[in-house]
Amino acid sequence: MFRLGIAVALTSMLLLSACGGGGSGGGSSSASSGSGGSANASAQGKTVFTTNCKGCHTLSDAGATGSVGPNLDELQPDKATVVRQVENGGGQMPAFKGKLSDAQINAVATYVSSVAGKS
């Protein structure tokens, strides 16, 4: 059972490591600090995703059909996994720490983990 858990974790990390910034922007979306709550965070996360991630990933909610990185609808990563991958990158995926603000990374991680596999 322990080996299966390690295998699943490693597979997930490898799949997420293929992400890239193939979107049309360079990660310059600004974080808003309004009081829109989770709806605002979801909208911001979707914007960050479509600007930076959709060129490589598939995610139905964002209309993304990229095939370089993993299909996030199939993978359904949790928020902590998305944060780790976005910050550190790996494989073909560049690290976005320093390119995206902490608020943008949190927003995209919340968005992806809440919509992946739901559409």
Protein backbone atom coordinates (compact mmCIF):
# COMPACT_ATOMS: atom_id res chain seq x y z
CA MET A 1 0.00 0.00 0.00
CA PHE A 2 2.87 2.36 0.84
CA ARG A 3 4.50 1.71 -2.54
CA LEU A 4 1.23 2.44 -4.33
CA GLY A 5 0.99 5.79 -2.52
CA ILE A 6 4.53 6.68 -3.52
CA ALA A 7 3.89 5.63 -7.10
CA VAL A 8 0.75 7.78 -7.29
CA ALA A 9 2.56 10.76 -5.77
CA LEU A 10 5.50 10.45 -8.14
CA THR A 11 3.24 10.02 -11.15
CA SER A 12 1.29 13.12 -10.18
CA MET A 13 4.47 15.12 -9.76
CA LEU A 14 5.81 13.97 -13.10
CA LEU A 15 2.57 14.75 -14.87
CA LEU A 16 2.37 18.21 -13.34
CA SER A 17 6.02 18.86 -14.14
CA ALA A 18 5.23 18.98 -17.84
CA CYS A 19 3.33 22.27 -17.47
CA GLY A 20 4.49 25.36 -19.29
CA GLY A 21 3.67 29.00 -19.71
CA GLY A 22 2.30 28.63 -23.22
CA GLY A 23 -0.43 31.21 -22.76
CA SER A 24 -0.52 34.55 -24.50
CA GLY A 25 0.81 36.55 -21.57
CA GLY A 26 3.90 36.55 -19.45
CA GLY A 27 2.30 36.31 -16.06
CA SER A 28 1.70 40.00 -15.63
CA SER A 29 -1.85 39.71 -14.35
CA SER A 30 -2.17 41.85 -11.29
CA ALA A 31 -3.63 40.60 -8.06
CA SER A 32 -6.68 42.43 -6.89
CA SER A 33 -7.28 42.92 -3.22
CA GLY A 34 -11.01 43.61 -3.26
CA SER A 35 -13.48 42.01 -0.94
CA GLY A 36 -15.08 39.78 -3.58
CA GLY A 37 -14.38 36.64 -1.56
CA SER A 38 -14.21 33.27 -3.27
CA ALA A 39 -15.96 34.49 -6.43
CA ASN A 40 -13.24 37.10 -6.90
CA ALA A 41 -10.53 34.52 -6.18
CA SER A 42 -12.09 32.13 -8.68
CA ALA A 43 -12.28 34.82 -11.36
CA GLN A 44 -8.71 35.87 -10.68
CA GLY A 45 -7.53 32.26 -10.68
CA LYS A 46 -9.23 31.62 -14.00
CA THR A 47 -7.57 34.73 -15.47
CA VAL A 48 -4.15 33.64 -14.22
CA PHE A 49 -4.74 30.16 -15.64
CA THR A 50 -5.87 31.34 -19.07
CA THR A 51 -2.95 33.77 -19.28
CA ASN A 52 -0.21 31.39 -18.16
CA CYS A 53 -1.33 27.75 -18.25
CA LYS A 54 -3.93 27.00 -20.90
CA GLY A 55 -1.40 26.68 -23.70
CA CYS A 56 -0.08 23.51 -22.10
CA HIS A 57 -2.90 22.08 -19.98
CA THR A 58 -6.40 20.78 -20.57
CA LEU A 59 -8.99 22.20 -18.16
CA SER A 60 -12.60 22.23 -19.36
CA ASP A 61 -13.78 25.10 -17.17
CA ALA A 62 -11.18 27.39 -18.76
CA GLY A 63 -11.77 26.11 -22.29
CA ALA A 64 -8.15 24.90 -22.31
CA THR A 65 -7.09 22.02 -24.52
CA GLY A 66 -3.29 22.08 -24.22
CA SER A 67 -1.50 18.77 -24.51
CA VAL A 68 2.08 19.52 -23.41
CA GLY A 69 1.28 19.27 -19.71
CA PRO A 70 -1.11 16.92 -17.97
CA ASN A 71 -4.86 17.01 -18.40
CA LEU A 72 -5.89 18.64 -15.13
CA ASP A 73 -9.48 17.40 -15.42
CA GLU A 74 -8.15 13.84 -15.29
CA LEU A 75 -5.46 14.51 -12.69
CA GLN A 76 -7.68 16.57 -10.33
CA PRO A 77 -4.78 17.90 -8.23
CA ASP A 78 -5.35 19.28 -4.75
CA LYS A 79 -4.50 22.89 -3.96
CA ALA A 80 -1.18 22.14 -2.23
CA THR A 81 0.03 20.16 -5.25
CA VAL A 82 -0.86 22.99 -7.63
CA VAL A 83 0.88 25.57 -5.42
CA ARG A 84 4.04 23.44 -5.25
CA GLN A 85 4.16 22.87 -9.03
CA VAL A 86 3.42 26.48 -9.92
CA GLU A 87 6.05 27.79 -7.52
CA ASN A 88 8.81 25.29 -8.32
CA GLY A 89 8.06 24.04 -11.82
CA GLY A 90 9.74 20.84 -12.95
CA GLY A 91 10.38 18.97 -16.17
CA GLN A 92 9.22 21.23 -19.00
CA MET A 93 7.22 23.46 -16.67
CA PRO A 94 8.94 26.67 -15.63
CA ALA A 95 8.76 27.91 -12.05
CA PHE A 96 6.37 30.82 -11.68
CA LYS A 97 7.55 31.94 -8.24
CA GLY A 98 8.82 35.47 -8.80
CA LYS A 99 6.80 35.77 -12.03
CA LEU A 100 3.42 35.50 -10.32
CA SER A 101 2.59 37.04 -6.97
CA ASP A 102 1.76 34.82 -3.99
CA ALA A 103 -1.86 35.97 -4.35
CA GLN A 104 -1.93 34.94 -8.02
CA ILE A 105 -0.40 31.53 -7.22
CA ASN A 106 -2.94 31.01 -4.45
CA ALA A 107 -5.79 32.09 -6.75
CA VAL A 108 -4.79 29.78 -9.61
CA ALA A 109 -4.26 26.87 -7.20
CA THR A 110 -7.68 27.44 -5.63
CA TYR A 111 -9.29 27.71 -9.04
CA VAL A 112 -7.66 24.60 -10.56
CA SER A 113 -8.24 22.43 -7.49
CA SER A 114 -11.88 23.47 -7.31
CA VAL A 115 -12.86 23.05 -10.99
CA ALA A 116 -10.65 20.23 -12.29
CA GLY A 117 -12.80 17.29 -13.31
CA LYS A 118 -16.05 19.07 -12.49
CA SER A 119 -17.11 20.13 -16.01
